[in-house]
């Protein structure tokens, strides 16, 4: 393996896991963050170089210029701007930021710069996309359904939820309209709609609701008549989220409070942050179920991919960092090994169409204990 110089933008829970995994794979890794404590920990514990800097400005071009690959692990609000600057710097990139903007608008710029950028490469979006992309090349897909969520083991009132993401990114899930496809028609519904109860072995009953997670899949596969993604939470979550949303606590419209202009969503995020934060060593899990139905060799079939992953106490790595971060490093290896050759913005569903790519990606995850259980169910 050729040792490469890789820079990771963001050293939060997931960015840290990405940096450590790439370092263990033998690469020369540098992490960039404003949190000096985290950078010192990466340096002393893992030999990862650190740069204390705000990487959201124009000076990012200078920061990344000497590296072979850039990995983006920033909050979604800054993800698009960061991707654009990395492209202008002429660098390849894999990103997990889940930005609200349409990242395909950067495709032409990336082609002109002759770089490869893989956005949304986490667990969902990310791995679920790659799974669909792989099967789409081998069957006539008629239905795609993804259920996914990350939850703490301890159901602590009032939220019964903890998150490795920024509170603002979580709130975005509760407010952004959900786009999906039903019966061949495009459908847009409010987030938190079409609530249903789903049982998972070893976990129990969770509630699933519409979220805007399909993203690039809707454009990549316009002929698949039924496509939906739903977020999983403990029962009762949707009720209180709807109350907060309808009362305006997630609003971005400023209101005046004692002569000062305040966005309610900023106050809500500040209040939620300490409640969302996982404690040191707190156990949590990730659960995902992907179901793909259609015709293969003229016969009806349904493929089911089930993922269940827990916090790893040995490495002190949360499950969401493992399932998201290692999917990202898996595609980073595909790119570094010359297995992604097309320039431009490459959505996750196009990274693993080839058998070799898909096999390598799944093995990369298994090697790290992230194991997808696969079942093929004949329908005829």
Protein backbone atom coordinates (compact mmCIF):
# COMPACT_ATOMS: atom_id res chain seq x y z
CA UNK A 1 0.00 0.00 0.00
CA UNK A 2 1.22 3.47 -0.88
CA UNK A 3 1.35 5.79 2.10
CA UNK A 4 -0.73 8.90 1.33
CA UNK A 5 -1.09 12.32 2.94
CA UNK A 6 -4.68 12.79 4.08
CA UNK A 7 -6.27 15.76 5.84
CA UNK A 8 -9.48 15.39 7.86
CA UNK A 9 -11.53 18.55 8.30
CA UNK A 10 -13.28 18.25 11.65
CA UNK A 11 -12.24 16.14 14.64
CA UNK A 12 -15.56 15.59 16.36
CA UNK A 13 -16.72 12.11 17.34
CA UNK A 14 -16.98 10.94 13.72
CA UNK A 15 -14.07 12.93 12.29
CA UNK A 16 -11.84 11.58 15.05
CA UNK A 17 -12.82 7.98 14.23
CA UNK A 18 -12.10 8.63 10.55
CA UNK A 19 -8.67 10.09 11.27
CA UNK A 20 -7.71 7.19 13.56
CA UNK A 21 -8.85 4.55 11.07
CA UNK A 22 -6.92 6.14 8.21
CA UNK A 23 -3.84 6.38 10.42
CA UNK A 24 -4.12 2.70 11.38
CA UNK A 25 -4.32 1.91 7.66
CA UNK A 26 -0.81 3.32 7.29
CA UNK A 27 -1.48 6.81 5.95
CA UNK A 28 0.02 10.12 7.04
CA UNK A 29 -2.99 11.86 8.60
CA UNK A 30 -3.55 15.44 9.70
CA UNK A 31 -6.69 16.63 11.51
CA UNK A 32 -7.99 20.20 11.50
CA UNK A 33 -10.22 21.52 14.26
CA UNK A 34 -10.59 24.42 16.69
CA UNK A 35 -10.66 22.05 19.67
CA UNK A 36 -7.06 21.93 20.84
CA UNK A 37 -7.78 19.22 23.40
CA UNK A 38 -9.00 16.81 20.73
CA UNK A 39 -6.03 17.58 18.50
CA UNK A 40 -3.62 16.94 21.38
CA UNK A 41 -5.33 13.62 22.09
CA UNK A 42 -4.99 12.56 18.44
CA UNK A 43 -1.34 13.57 18.44
CA UNK A 44 -0.30 11.92 21.70
CA UNK A 45 -2.45 8.81 21.35
CA UNK A 46 -2.24 8.07 17.65
CA UNK A 47 0.54 10.11 16.08
CA UNK A 48 -1.90 12.19 14.06
CA UNK A 49 -0.74 15.72 13.25
CA UNK A 50 -3.07 18.58 14.14
CA UNK A 51 -3.81 22.03 12.79
CA UNK A 52 -5.84 24.33 15.03
CA UNK A 53 -7.82 26.43 12.56
CA UNK A 54 -11.23 27.44 11.32
CA UNK A 55 -11.37 25.67 7.96
CA UNK A 56 -14.60 27.24 6.69
CA UNK A 57 -13.00 30.31 5.07
CA UNK A 58 -11.15 30.95 1.81
CA UNK A 59 -7.82 30.10 3.46
CA UNK A 60 -8.89 26.44 3.30
CA UNK A 61 -7.42 26.28 -0.21
CA UNK A 62 -3.97 26.91 1.25
CA UNK A 63 -4.47 24.42 4.08
CA UNK A 64 -5.27 21.45 1.81
CA UNK A 65 -2.86 22.12 -1.05
CA UNK A 66 -0.13 19.67 0.04
CA UNK A 67 -2.44 16.70 0.69
CA UNK A 68 -3.43 13.79 -1.57
CA UNK A 69 -6.97 13.48 -0.21
CA UNK A 70 -9.36 15.65 1.82
CA UNK A 71 -12.00 14.14 4.10
CA UNK A 72 -14.84 16.43 5.17
CA UNK A 73 -16.39 15.84 8.62
CA UNK A 74 -17.89 19.27 9.29
CA UNK A 75 -21.49 20.19 10.23
CA UNK A 76 -23.89 20.25 7.30
CA UNK A 77 -24.32 24.03 7.40
CA UNK A 78 -20.75 24.55 6.15
CA UNK A 79 -20.36 21.38 4.08
CA UNK A 80 -21.22 22.79 0.66
CA UNK A 81 -18.87 25.78 0.96
CA UNK A 82 -16.07 23.53 2.11
CA UNK A 83 -16.58 21.13 -0.81
CA UNK A 84 -16.51 24.03 -3.26
CA UNK A 85 -13.22 25.36 -1.87
CA UNK A 86 -11.60 21.92 -1.88
CA UNK A 87 -12.61 21.47 -5.52
CA UNK A 88 -11.14 24.86 -6.41
CA UNK A 89 -7.94 23.73 -4.70
CA UNK A 90 -7.86 20.79 -7.14
CA UNK A 91 -8.09 18.09 -4.47
CA UNK A 92 -10.04 14.82 -4.31
CA UNK A 93 -12.48 14.58 -1.42
CA UNK A 94 -14.81 12.25 0.49
CA UNK A 95 -17.38 14.07 2.63
CA UNK A 96 -19.95 13.14 5.31
CA UNK A 97 -21.40 16.59 6.04
CA UNK A 98 -24.96 15.98 4.74
CA UNK A 99 -25.27 19.57 3.50
CA UNK A 100 -28.76 20.95 2.74
CA UNK A 101 -27.68 22.27 -0.68
CA UNK A 102 -27.68 20.24 -3.91
CA UNK A 103 -24.09 19.08 -4.13
CA UNK A 104 -24.51 18.03 -7.77
CA UNK A 105 -24.34 21.74 -8.65
CA UNK A 106 -20.60 21.38 -8.03
CA UNK A 107 -20.24 18.57 -10.58
CA UNK A 108 -19.21 20.77 -13.51
CA UNK A 109 -16.61 22.59 -11.43
CA UNK A 110 -15.21 19.26 -10.20
CA UNK A 111 -14.99 17.98 -13.79
CA UNK A 112 -13.19 21.13 -14.88
CA UNK A 113 -10.72 20.70 -12.01
CA UNK A 114 -10.42 16.97 -12.84
CA UNK A 115 -11.09 15.89 -9.26
CA UNK A 116 -13.30 13.27 -7.64
CA UNK A 117 -15.67 14.29 -4.83
CA UNK A 118 -17.86 11.75 -3.03
CA UNK A 119 -20.41 13.55 -0.80
CA UNK A 120 -22.90 12.04 1.67
CA UNK A 121 -20.63 9.03 2.27
CA UNK A 122 -21.80 7.92 5.69
CA UNK A 123 -24.18 5.19 6.75
CA UNK A 124 -27.44 6.84 5.59
CA UNK A 125 -27.07 8.53 3.26
CA UNK A 126 -24.01 6.63 2.12
CA UNK A 127 -24.00 2.87 2.58
CA UNK A 128 -27.70 2.54 1.84
CA UNK A 129 -27.04 4.35 -1.46
CA UNK A 130 -24.12 2.06 -2.29
CA UNK A 131 -26.25 -1.01 -1.61
CA UNK A 132 -29.00 0.22 -3.94
CA UNK A 133 -26.47 1.21 -6.60
CA UNK A 134 -24.95 -2.26 -6.55
CA UNK A 135 -28.28 -4.09 -6.91
CA UNK A 136 -29.64 -1.62 -9.44
CA UNK A 137 -26.91 -2.74 -11.84
CA UNK A 138 -28.02 -6.36 -11.49
CA UNK A 139 -31.81 -6.32 -11.34
CA UNK A 140 -34.91 -4.31 -12.20
CA UNK A 141 -35.61 -2.48 -8.95
CA UNK A 142 -39.26 -1.73 -8.24
CA UNK A 143 -39.10 -0.70 -4.61
CA UNK A 144 -36.49 0.72 -2.22
CA UNK A 145 -37.10 1.29 1.48
CA UNK A 146 -34.60 2.34 4.13
CA UNK A 147 -35.22 2.60 7.88
CA UNK A 148 -32.34 3.98 9.95
CA UNK A 149 -31.57 5.49 13.32
CA UNK A 150 -29.00 5.89 16.06
CA UNK A 151 -30.16 5.73 19.69
CA UNK A 152 -28.79 5.53 23.25
CA UNK A 153 -29.44 2.35 25.22
CA UNK A 154 -30.71 4.35 28.18
CA UNK A 155 -34.05 6.01 27.48
CA UNK A 156 -33.60 9.14 29.57
CA UNK A 157 -36.59 11.50 29.89
CA UNK A 158 -37.56 13.90 28.33
CA UNK A 159 -35.89 13.32 24.95
CA UNK A 160 -34.89 9.64 25.08
CA UNK A 161 -32.30 10.59 22.47
CA UNK A 162 -28.61 11.42 22.20
CA UNK A 163 -26.73 12.46 19.09
CA UNK A 164 -23.19 12.54 17.72
CA UNK A 165 -24.24 15.22 15.24
CA UNK A 166 -24.64 18.92 15.85
CA UNK A 167 -28.06 19.88 17.29
CA UNK A 168 -28.67 22.10 14.25
CA UNK A 169 -28.22 19.16 11.87
CA UNK A 170 -30.66 17.10 13.95
CA UNK A 171 -33.24 19.90 13.93
CA UNK A 172 -32.89 20.04 10.15
CA UNK A 173 -34.21 16.46 10.05
CA UNK A 174 -37.34 17.56 11.92
CA UNK A 175 -38.11 20.51 9.66
CA UNK A 176 -36.91 19.75 6.13
CA UNK A 177 -39.77 18.41 3.95
CA UNK A 178 -39.34 14.74 3.06
CA UNK A 179 -39.10 13.95 -0.65
CA UNK A 180 -39.88 10.44 -1.81
CA UNK A 181 -41.61 8.52 -4.60
CA UNK A 182 -44.82 6.50 -4.46
CA UNK A 183 -46.46 4.72 -7.38
CA UNK A 184 -44.10 6.43 -9.78
CA UNK A 185 -45.05 9.92 -8.60
CA UNK A 186 -42.90 12.41 -6.73
CA UNK A 187 -44.27 13.15 -3.26
CA UNK A 188 -43.32 15.82 -0.72
CA UNK A 189 -44.59 15.57 2.84
CA UNK A 190 -43.60 17.25 6.10
CA UNK A 191 -40.86 15.60 8.10
CA UNK A 192 -42.24 13.40 10.92
CA UNK A 193 -45.18 12.30 8.74
CA UNK A 194 -46.55 8.78 8.01
CA UNK A 195 -45.66 7.43 11.43
CA UNK A 196 -45.46 3.64 11.72
CA UNK A 197 -44.25 1.15 14.34
CA UNK A 198 -41.54 -1.34 13.36
CA UNK A 199 -40.18 -4.15 15.50
CA UNK A 200 -36.49 -5.09 15.54
CA UNK A 201 -35.17 -8.25 17.14
CA UNK A 202 -33.26 -7.51 20.32
CA UNK A 203 -34.38 -3.86 20.33
CA UNK A 204 -38.16 -3.92 20.39
CA UNK A 205 -40.60 -1.53 18.74
CA UNK A 206 -39.34 1.73 17.24
CA UNK A 207 -41.30 4.39 15.42
CA UNK A 208 -40.40 5.33 11.85
CA UNK A 209 -41.27 8.61 10.15
CA UNK A 210 -40.58 10.30 6.84
CA UNK A 211 -37.27 12.12 6.59
CA UNK A 212 -35.48 13.71 3.65
CA UNK A 213 -32.75 11.10 3.30
CA UNK A 214 -33.12 9.91 -0.30
CA UNK A 215 -31.32 12.96 -1.68
CA UNK A 216 -29.35 12.04 -4.83
CA UNK A 217 -31.13 8.68 -5.15
CA UNK A 218 -34.24 10.39 -6.53
CA UNK A 219 -32.27 11.81 -9.48
CA UNK A 220 -30.00 8.82 -9.96
CA UNK A 221 -32.88 6.34 -10.24
CA UNK A 222 -35.90 8.24 -11.62
CA UNK A 223 -37.58 5.06 -12.91
CA UNK A 224 -37.84 3.26 -9.55
CA UNK A 225 -41.55 3.75 -8.73
CA UNK A 226 -41.39 3.41 -4.94
CA UNK A 227 -38.61 4.91 -2.83
CA UNK A 228 -38.70 6.08 0.77
CA UNK A 229 -36.40 6.64 3.74
CA UNK A 230 -37.61 6.84 7.32
CA UNK A 231 -35.84 7.78 10.54
CA UNK A 232 -36.12 5.51 13.58
CA UNK A 233 -36.64 6.73 17.15
CA UNK A 234 -38.10 5.43 20.39
CA UNK A 235 -41.92 5.52 20.54
CA UNK A 236 -43.28 8.91 21.58
CA UNK A 237 -40.53 10.99 20.01
CA UNK A 238 -42.62 12.29 17.11
CA UNK A 239 -45.30 13.69 19.41
CA UNK A 240 -43.01 16.07 21.29
CA UNK A 241 -41.05 17.02 18.15
CA UNK A 242 -44.27 18.03 16.41
CA UNK A 243 -45.25 20.16 19.40
CA UNK A 244 -41.90 21.97 19.40
CA UNK A 245 -42.05 22.47 15.63
CA UNK A 246 -45.62 23.79 15.61
CA UNK A 247 -44.89 26.16 18.51
CA UNK A 248 -42.08 27.70 16.45
CA UNK A 249 -39.06 26.50 18.42
CA UNK A 250 -37.39 25.28 15.20
CA UNK A 251 -38.13 28.49 13.25
CA UNK A 252 -35.34 30.42 11.54
CA UNK A 253 -37.42 33.60 11.46
CA UNK A 254 -36.16 36.16 13.96
CA UNK A 255 -38.36 37.27 16.84
CA UNK A 256 -37.78 40.23 19.15
CA UNK A 257 -37.06 39.42 22.79
CA UNK A 258 -36.46 42.40 25.10
CA UNK A 259 -35.25 44.51 22.20
CA UNK A 260 -32.97 41.84 20.70
CA UNK A 261 -33.49 39.84 17.53
CA UNK A 262 -33.29 36.09 18.15
CA UNK A 263 -33.80 33.07 15.89
CA UNK A 264 -35.83 30.52 17.91
CA UNK A 265 -33.89 27.65 16.35
CA UNK A 266 -30.60 29.01 17.74
CA UNK A 267 -32.01 29.11 21.26
CA UNK A 268 -33.47 25.61 20.85
CA UNK A 269 -30.14 24.24 19.60
CA UNK A 270 -28.32 25.79 22.56
CA UNK A 271 -30.80 24.24 25.00
CA UNK A 272 -30.71 20.84 23.31
CA UNK A 273 -26.92 20.60 23.03
CA UNK A 274 -26.23 19.47 26.63
CA UNK A 275 -29.18 17.05 26.46
CA UNK A 276 -28.02 15.56 23.14
CA UNK A 277 -24.42 15.09 24.20
CA UNK A 278 -23.30 11.52 24.80
CA UNK A 279 -21.49 11.00 28.08
CA UNK A 280 -18.01 9.50 28.10
CA UNK A 281 -18.43 5.75 27.57
CA UNK A 282 -22.21 5.98 27.16
CA UNK A 283 -23.56 3.03 25.17
CA UNK A 284 -25.54 3.64 22.01
CA UNK A 285 -26.41 1.70 18.88
CA UNK A 286 -27.13 2.11 15.18
CA UNK A 287 -29.85 0.15 13.43
CA UNK A 288 -30.60 0.15 9.70
CA UNK A 289 -32.76 -1.97 7.43
CA UNK A 290 -32.59 -1.65 3.64
CA UNK A 291 -35.16 -3.50 1.52
CA UNK A 292 -34.86 -3.71 -2.26
CA UNK A 293 -37.55 -5.48 -4.30
CA UNK A 294 -37.81 -6.18 -8.00
CA UNK A 295 -37.05 -8.67 -10.74
CA UNK A 296 -33.77 -10.53 -11.11
CA UNK A 297 -33.40 -12.92 -14.04
CA UNK A 298 -37.13 -12.54 -14.58
CA UNK A 299 -38.05 -13.65 -11.04
CA UNK A 300 -39.33 -11.61 -8.14
CA UNK A 301 -36.89 -11.11 -5.27
CA UNK A 302 -36.38 -8.97 -2.18
CA UNK A 303 -32.95 -8.24 -0.73
CA UNK A 304 -32.85 -7.29 2.92
CA UNK A 305 -29.79 -5.72 4.55
CA UNK A 306 -29.91 -5.48 8.34
CA UNK A 307 -27.30 -3.58 10.33
CA UNK A 308 -27.03 -3.52 14.09
CA UNK A 309 -23.92 -1.99 15.65
CA UNK A 310 -23.00 -0.92 19.18
CA UNK A 311 -20.56 1.40 20.90
CA UNK A 312 -17.11 -0.18 21.04
CA UNK A 313 -15.74 0.13 24.61
CA UNK A 314 -12.29 -1.16 23.64
CA UNK A 315 -11.57 1.72 21.25
CA UNK A 316 -14.11 4.06 22.93
CA UNK A 317 -15.78 4.65 19.56
CA UNK A 318 -19.50 5.30 19.34
CA UNK A 319 -21.51 3.23 16.89
CA UNK A 320 -22.56 6.18 14.73
CA UNK A 321 -18.89 7.08 14.30
CA UNK A 322 -18.08 3.47 13.38
CA UNK A 323 -20.90 2.97 10.89
CA UNK A 324 -20.54 6.43 9.34
CA UNK A 325 -16.79 6.91 9.63
CA UNK A 326 -15.73 3.49 8.37
CA UNK A 327 -18.05 3.74 5.36
CA UNK A 328 -16.26 7.01 4.59
CA UNK A 329 -12.79 5.49 4.98
CA UNK A 330 -13.87 2.54 2.86
CA UNK A 331 -14.67 4.80 -0.07
CA UNK A 332 -11.51 6.81 0.64
CA UNK A 333 -9.56 3.60 0.06
CA UNK A 334 -11.44 2.95 -3.18
CA UNK A 335 -10.46 6.41 -4.37
CA UNK A 336 -6.83 6.16 -3.23
CA UNK A 337 -6.49 2.74 -4.88
CA UNK A 338 -7.66 4.07 -8.24
CA UNK A 339 -11.00 2.24 -8.17
CA UNK A 340 -13.01 5.45 -8.69
CA UNK A 341 -11.78 6.84 -11.98
CA UNK A 342 -14.58 9.09 -13.20
CA UNK A 343 -14.03 12.77 -12.36
CA UNK A 344 -16.74 15.02 -10.97
CA UNK A 345 -19.13 14.76 -8.04
CA UNK A 346 -19.84 11.06 -7.54
CA UNK A 347 -22.85 10.33 -5.31
CA UNK A 348 -22.50 7.28 -3.05
CA UNK A 349 -24.72 5.09 -5.23
CA UNK A 350 -22.14 5.29 -8.02
CA UNK A 351 -19.17 4.22 -5.90
CA UNK A 352 -19.99 0.51 -5.63
CA UNK A 353 -21.76 -0.42 -8.85
CA UNK A 354 -18.80 -2.59 -9.86
CA UNK A 355 -18.62 -5.97 -8.13
CA UNK A 356 -15.03 -5.43 -7.01
CA UNK A 357 -15.82 -2.05 -5.45
CA UNK A 358 -18.85 -3.35 -3.57
CA UNK A 359 -16.98 -6.41 -2.33
CA UNK A 360 -14.05 -4.28 -1.13
CA UNK A 361 -16.34 -1.81 0.64
CA UNK A 362 -18.32 -4.51 2.46
CA UNK A 363 -15.12 -6.34 3.46
CA UNK A 364 -13.62 -3.07 4.70
CA UNK A 365 -16.60 -2.68 7.05
CA UNK A 366 -16.58 -6.32 8.18
CA UNK A 367 -12.90 -6.04 9.04
CA UNK A 368 -13.89 -3.27 11.46
CA UNK A 369 -16.82 -5.17 12.96
CA UNK A 370 -19.55 -3.36 11.02
CA UNK A 371 -21.41 -6.35 9.62
CA UNK A 372 -24.45 -6.17 7.34
CA UNK A 373 -26.62 -9.28 7.49
CA UNK A 374 -27.94 -9.98 3.98
CA UNK A 375 -30.97 -12.08 3.09
CA UNK A 376 -32.45 -12.80 -0.35
CA UNK A 377 -36.18 -13.64 -0.27
CA UNK A 378 -37.85 -15.07 -3.43
CA UNK A 379 -41.20 -13.38 -4.12
CA UNK A 380 -42.59 -15.69 -6.80
